[in-house]
C-alpha atoms as a PDB file:
ATOM      1  CA  MET A   1       0.000   0.000   0.000  1.00  0.00           C
ATOM      2  CA  PRO A   2       1.577   3.357  -1.047  1.00  0.00           C
ATOM      3  CA  ALA A   3       2.043   6.021   1.588  1.00  0.00           C
ATOM      4  CA  ASP A   4      -0.086   9.136   1.499  1.00  0.00           C
ATOM      5  CA  PRO A   5       1.749  11.987  -0.198  1.00  0.00           C
ATOM      6  CA  ALA A   6       3.135  14.619   2.136  1.00  0.00           C
ATOM      7  CA  PRO A   7       0.886  17.665   2.425  1.00  0.00           C
ATOM      8  CA  VAL A   8       2.036  20.614   0.347  1.00  0.00           C
ATOM      9  CA  PRO A   9       2.644  23.654   2.545  1.00  0.00           C
ATOM     10  CA  PRO A  10       0.915  26.867   1.440  1.00  0.00           C
ATOM     11  CA  ALA A  11       2.971  29.364  -0.552  1.00  0.00           C
ATOM     12  CA  LEU A  12       4.235  32.022   1.812  1.00  0.00           C
ATOM     13  CA  ASP A  13       4.706  35.699   1.092  1.00  0.00           C
ATOM     14  CA  ALA A  14       7.699  37.832   2.082  1.00  0.00           C
ATOM     15  CA  ASN A  15       6.228  38.230   5.591  1.00  0.00           C
ATOM     16  CA  GLY A  16       5.932  34.472   6.158  1.00  0.00           C
ATOM     17  CA  LEU A  17       2.141  34.544   5.861  1.00  0.00           C
ATOM     18  CA  PRO A  18       0.116  32.419   3.431  1.00  0.00           C
ATOM     19  CA  ARG A  19      -0.242  34.259   0.102  1.00  0.00           C
ATOM     20  CA  GLY A  20      -3.606  35.929  -0.214  1.00  0.00           C
ATOM     21  CA  LEU A  21      -4.362  35.720   3.535  1.00  0.00           C
ATOM     22  CA  ARG A  22      -5.131  39.436   3.886  1.00  0.00           C
ATOM     23  CA  HIS A  23      -7.254  39.463   0.740  1.00  0.00           C
ATOM     24  CA  ASP A  24      -9.217  36.345   1.717  1.00  0.00           C
ATOM     25  CA  LEU A  25      -9.780  37.591   5.262  1.00  0.00           C
ATOM     26  CA  VAL A  26     -10.976  41.031   4.128  1.00  0.00           C
ATOM     27  CA  ASN A  27     -13.330  39.414   1.584  1.00  0.00           C
ATOM     28  CA  ALA A  28     -14.786  37.095   4.241  1.00  0.00           C
ATOM     29  CA  LEU A  29     -15.247  39.990   6.646  1.00  0.00           C
ATOM     30  CA  ASN A  30     -16.924  42.097   3.955  1.00  0.00           C
ATOM     31  CA  ALA A  31     -19.372  39.242   3.345  1.00  0.00           C
ATOM     32  CA  LEU A  32     -20.037  38.904   7.076  1.00  0.00           C
ATOM     33  CA  LEU A  33     -20.642  42.640   7.431  1.00  0.00           C
ATOM     34  CA  GLY A  34     -22.935  42.648   4.400  1.00  0.00           C
ATOM     35  CA  PHE A  35     -25.021  39.745   5.641  1.00  0.00           C
ATOM     36  CA  ALA A  36     -25.227  41.269   9.127  1.00  0.00           C
ATOM     37  CA  SER A  37     -26.455  44.580   7.686  1.00  0.00           C
ATOM     38  CA  PHE A  38     -29.150  42.774   5.666  1.00  0.00           C
ATOM     39  CA  LEU A  39     -30.122  40.855   8.777  1.00  0.00           C
ATOM     40  CA  GLU A  40     -30.332  44.028  10.850  1.00  0.00           C
ATOM     41  CA  GLU A  41     -32.542  45.721   8.247  1.00  0.00           C
ATOM     42  CA  ASP A  42     -34.928  42.754   8.123  1.00  0.00           C
ATOM     43  CA  LEU A  43     -35.322  42.219  11.860  1.00  0.00           C
ATOM     44  CA  PRO A  44     -37.781  44.081  14.071  1.00  0.00           C
ATOM     45  CA  ASP A  45     -36.446  46.090  17.001  1.00  0.00           C
ATOM     46  CA  GLY A  46     -35.501  43.823  19.861  1.00  0.00           C
ATOM     47  CA  PRO A  47     -32.818  41.406  21.011  1.00  0.00           C
ATOM     48  CA  GLN A  48     -32.317  39.781  17.605  1.00  0.00           C
ATOM     49  CA  ARG A  49     -31.654  43.129  15.931  1.00  0.00           C
ATOM     50  CA  ASP A  50     -29.295  44.050  18.783  1.00  0.00           C
ATOM     51  CA  PHE A  51     -27.437  40.786  18.165  1.00  0.00           C
ATOM     52  CA  ALA A  52     -27.102  41.611  14.452  1.00  0.00           C
ATOM     53  CA  ARG A  53     -25.600  44.978  15.465  1.00  0.00           C
ATOM     54  CA  ARG A  54     -23.139  43.192  17.759  1.00  0.00           C
ATOM     55  CA  ILE A  55     -22.113  40.976  14.840  1.00  0.00           C
ATOM     56  CA  GLN A  56     -21.495  44.106  12.757  1.00  0.00           C
ATOM     57  CA  ASP A  57     -19.445  45.711  15.539  1.00  0.00           C
ATOM     58  CA  ALA A  58     -17.318  42.576  15.881  1.00  0.00           C
ATOM     59  CA  GLY A  59     -16.882  42.440  12.108  1.00  0.00           C
ATOM     60  CA  ARG A  60     -15.729  46.064  12.007  1.00  0.00           C
ATOM     61  CA  GLN A  61     -13.221  45.399  14.801  1.00  0.00           C
ATOM     62  CA  ALA A  62     -11.932  42.349  12.942  1.00  0.00           C
ATOM     63  CA  MET A  63     -11.642  44.434   9.758  1.00  0.00           C
ATOM     64  CA  VAL A  64      -9.418  46.926  11.589  1.00  0.00           C
ATOM     65  CA  LEU A  65      -7.152  44.030  12.586  1.00  0.00           C
ATOM     66  CA  ALA A  66      -7.181  42.550   9.072  1.00  0.00           C
ATOM     67  CA  GLU A  67      -6.118  45.892   7.604  1.00  0.00           C
ATOM     68  CA  ARG A  68      -3.009  45.708   9.810  1.00  0.00           C
ATOM     69  CA  ILE A  69      -1.806  42.515   8.121  1.00  0.00           C
ATOM     70  CA  PRO A  70       1.183  43.540   6.025  1.00  0.00           C
ATOM     71  CA  SER A  71       1.057  43.441   2.267  1.00  0.00           C
ATOM     72  CA  SER A  72       2.540  40.364   0.656  1.00  0.00           C
ATOM     73  CA  THR A  73       5.157  42.400  -1.157  1.00  0.00           C
ATOM     74  CA  ARG A  74       8.127  44.373   0.081  1.00  0.00           C
ATOM     75  CA  THR A  75       7.557  47.302  -2.239  1.00  0.00           C
ATOM     76  CA  ALA A  76       5.185  50.066  -1.267  1.00  0.00           C
ATOM     77  CA  ALA A  77       1.720  48.874  -2.111  1.00  0.00           C
ATOM     78  CA  VAL A  78      -0.589  50.717  -4.450  1.00  0.00           C
ATOM     79  CA  HIS A  79      -4.096  50.861  -2.975  1.00  0.00           C
ATOM     80  CA  VAL A  80      -6.575  49.929  -5.689  1.00  0.00           C
ATOM     81  CA  LEU A  81     -10.358  50.095  -5.596  1.00  0.00           C
ATOM     82  CA  MET A  82     -11.572  47.558  -8.168  1.00  0.00           C
ATOM     83  CA  VAL A  83     -15.097  47.902  -9.551  1.00  0.00           C
ATOM     84  CA  SER A  84     -16.097  44.613 -11.113  1.00  0.00           C
ATOM     85  CA  SER A  85     -18.746  41.929 -10.986  1.00  0.00           C
ATOM     86  CA  ALA A  86     -16.811  39.678 -13.374  1.00  0.00           C
ATOM     87  CA  ALA A  87     -16.279  36.047 -12.426  1.00  0.00           C
ATOM     88  CA  ASP A  88     -12.503  36.373 -12.799  1.00  0.00           C
ATOM     89  CA  ALA A  89     -12.154  39.289 -10.347  1.00  0.00           C
ATOM     90  CA  ASP A  90     -10.817  37.252  -7.407  1.00  0.00           C
ATOM     91  CA  PRO A  91      -8.033  35.495  -9.352  1.00  0.00           C
ATOM     92  CA  VAL A  92      -7.028  38.842 -10.877  1.00  0.00           C
ATOM     93  CA  ILE A  93      -6.852  40.372  -7.397  1.00  0.00           C
ATOM     94  CA  LEU A  94      -4.649  37.563  -6.121  1.00  0.00           C
ATOM     95  CA  GLU A  95      -2.280  38.013  -9.060  1.00  0.00           C
ATOM     96  CA  LEU A  96      -2.200  41.802  -8.625  1.00  0.00           C
ATOM     97  CA  ASP A  97      -1.243  41.252  -4.983  1.00  0.00           C
ATOM     98  CA  GLY A  98       1.995  39.704  -6.240  1.00  0.00           C
ATOM     99  CA  TYR A  99       2.739  42.944  -8.086  1.00  0.00           C
ATOM    100  CA  GLY A 100       2.352  45.132  -4.994  1.00  0.00           C
ATOM    101  CA  CYS A 101      -1.280  46.119  -5.516  1.00  0.00           C
ATOM    102  CA  GLU A 102      -3.568  45.961  -2.492  1.00  0.00           C
ATOM    103  CA  VAL A 103      -6.971  45.596  -4.093  1.00  0.00           C
ATOM    104  CA  THR A 104     -10.390  46.049  -2.531  1.00  0.00           C
ATOM    105  CA  LEU A 105     -13.236  44.758  -4.669  1.00  0.00           C
ATOM    106  CA  VAL A 106     -16.682  46.301  -4.961  1.00  0.00           C
ATOM    107  CA  SER A 107     -19.202  44.915  -7.411  1.00  0.00           C
ATOM    108  CA  THR A 108     -21.076  48.041  -8.515  1.00  0.00           C
ATOM    109  CA  PRO A 109     -20.311  51.676  -9.314  1.00  0.00           C
ATOM    110  CA  ALA A 110     -22.874  52.724  -6.692  1.00  0.00           C
ATOM    111  CA  ARG A 111     -20.976  50.792  -3.992  1.00  0.00           C
ATOM    112  CA  ALA A 112     -17.697  52.300  -5.228  1.00  0.00           C
ATOM    113  CA  VAL A 113     -19.177  55.784  -4.883  1.00  0.00           C
ATOM    114  CA  GLN A 114     -20.159  54.997  -1.270  1.00  0.00           C
ATOM    115  CA  VAL A 115     -16.675  53.681  -0.495  1.00  0.00           C
ATOM    116  CA  LEU A 116     -15.011  56.698  -2.100  1.00  0.00           C
ATOM    117  CA  ARG A 117     -17.198  59.100  -0.134  1.00  0.00           C
ATOM    118  CA  LYS A 118     -16.383  57.373   3.158  1.00  0.00           C
ATOM    119  CA  ALA A 119     -12.628  57.162   2.569  1.00  0.00           C
ATOM    120  CA  PRO A 120     -11.585  59.342  -0.372  1.00  0.00           C
ATOM    121  CA  ASP A 121      -7.892  59.328   0.578  1.00  0.00           C
ATOM    122  CA  ALA A 122      -7.654  55.544   0.982  1.00  0.00           C
ATOM    123  CA  TRP A 123      -7.206  54.843  -2.736  1.00  0.00           C
ATOM    124  CA  ASP A 124      -4.360  55.563  -5.105  1.00  0.00           C
ATOM    125  CA  VAL A 125      -6.148  54.373  -8.247  1.00  0.00           C
ATOM    126  CA  ILE A 126      -9.414  52.788  -9.411  1.00  0.00           C
ATOM    127  CA  LEU A 127      -9.595  49.750 -11.696  1.00  0.00           C
ATOM    128  CA  ALA A 128     -12.972  49.369 -13.404  1.00  0.00           C
ATOM    129  CA  ASP A 129     -14.308  46.971 -16.008  1.00  0.00           C
ATOM    130  CA  PHE A 130     -14.822  48.381 -19.484  1.00  0.00           C
ATOM    131  CA  PRO A 131     -17.386  48.542 -20.896  1.00  0.00           C
ATOM    132  CA  GLY A 132     -19.301  48.973 -17.700  1.00  0.00           C
ATOM    133  CA  PRO A 133     -18.434  50.671 -14.408  1.00  0.00           C
ATOM    134  CA  VAL A 134     -15.680  52.829 -15.859  1.00  0.00           C
ATOM    135  CA  GLU A 135     -18.372  54.649 -17.870  1.00  0.00           C
ATOM    136  CA  HIS A 136     -20.526  55.397 -14.795  1.00  0.00           C
ATOM    137  CA  ALA A 137     -20.710  59.194 -14.388  1.00  0.00           C
ATOM    138  CA  GLY A 138     -21.185  59.019 -10.613  1.00  0.00           C
ATOM    139  CA  LEU A 139     -17.990  57.003 -10.275  1.00  0.00           C
ATOM    140  CA  ALA A 140     -15.957  59.535 -12.232  1.00  0.00           C
ATOM    141  CA  GLU A 141     -17.374  62.374 -10.150  1.00  0.00           C
ATOM    142  CA  ALA A 142     -16.718  60.589  -6.824  1.00  0.00           C
ATOM    143  CA  ALA A 143     -13.195  59.645  -7.930  1.00  0.00           C
ATOM    144  CA  GLY A 144     -12.196  63.299  -8.275  1.00  0.00           C
ATOM    145  CA  ASP A 145      -8.434  63.331  -8.886  1.00  0.00           C
ATOM    146  CA  ILE A 146      -8.070  59.560  -8.501  1.00  0.00           C
ATOM    147  CA  ARG A 147      -7.252  58.039 -11.870  1.00  0.00           C
ATOM    148  CA  ILE A 148      -9.590  55.354 -13.243  1.00  0.00           C
ATOM    149  CA  ILE A 149      -7.871  52.591 -15.213  1.00  0.00           C
ATOM    150  CA  PRO A 150     -10.214  50.600 -17.491  1.00  0.00           C
ATOM    151  CA  ARG A 151      -9.940  46.807 -17.424  1.00  0.00           C
ATOM    152  CA  LEU A 152     -10.484  45.667 -20.981  1.00  0.00           C
ATOM    153  CA  GLY A 153     -11.400  42.106 -21.928  1.00  0.00           C
ATOM    154  CA  ASP A 154      -7.922  41.414 -23.285  1.00  0.00           C
ATOM    155  CA  SER A 155      -6.006  43.062 -20.421  1.00  0.00           C
ATOM    156  CA  THR A 156      -3.237  40.981 -18.885  1.00  0.00           C
ATOM    157  CA  VAL A 157      -2.622  41.098 -15.159  1.00  0.00           C
ATOM    158  CA  ALA A 158       0.996  42.141 -15.712  1.00  0.00           C
ATOM    159  CA  GLY A 159      -0.148  44.993 -17.971  1.00  0.00           C
ATOM    160  CA  LEU A 160      -2.761  46.075 -15.442  1.00  0.00           C
ATOM    161  CA  ALA A 161      -0.193  45.993 -12.649  1.00  0.00           C
ATOM    162  CA  VAL A 162       2.168  48.261 -14.588  1.00  0.00           C
ATOM    163  CA  ALA A 163      -0.658  50.708 -15.340  1.00  0.00           C
ATOM    164  CA  LEU A 164      -1.940  50.648 -11.750  1.00  0.00           C
ATOM    165  CA  ARG A 165       1.486  51.170 -10.216  1.00  0.00           C
ATOM    166  CA  ALA A 166       2.271  54.011 -12.638  1.00  0.00           C
ATOM    167  CA  ALA A 167      -1.096  55.680 -12.001  1.00  0.00           C
ATOM    168  CA  GLY A 168      -0.860  55.164  -8.248  1.00  0.00           C
ATOM    169  CA  VAL A 169       2.487  56.918  -7.809  1.00  0.00           C
ATOM    170  CA  LYS A 170       1.977  60.206  -6.001  1.00  0.00           C
ATOM    171  CA  PRO A 171       4.180  63.132  -7.099  1.00  0.00           C
END
């Protein structure tokens, strides 16, 4: 009977953490916060709604901790707000992480506008699908001086990374 193969250890980043840990944790926390907000809206006043608020508070505290996890690259990270509902968004984000891009994904231009209004100085550049969110007038207005890079259907991740890093450099 052959022995079981040895487990393959996860790929580690320059900080010794599993690659994509920060990204995966932030995505999971965003989902938790979203579900908790839906739950809170749907529940009548009372202990259950209070519990949903406690879940949201705990999620926000966990998000603060997750944001302290260092980037997986040694170079200064470019903070990217990605507006996309495409199925390949998550793999693209993981690849961009390897190029020093810290990407936060939102699925709609309306959500991007909310995020930009809450934290306008948190982003160096915006990556938006084209055609689609990049054409949204509200997004362009909310972005102000933040450059919007369109993600075309034939864009390569390496090409996007070069464009994002160049656009994200502050003078």
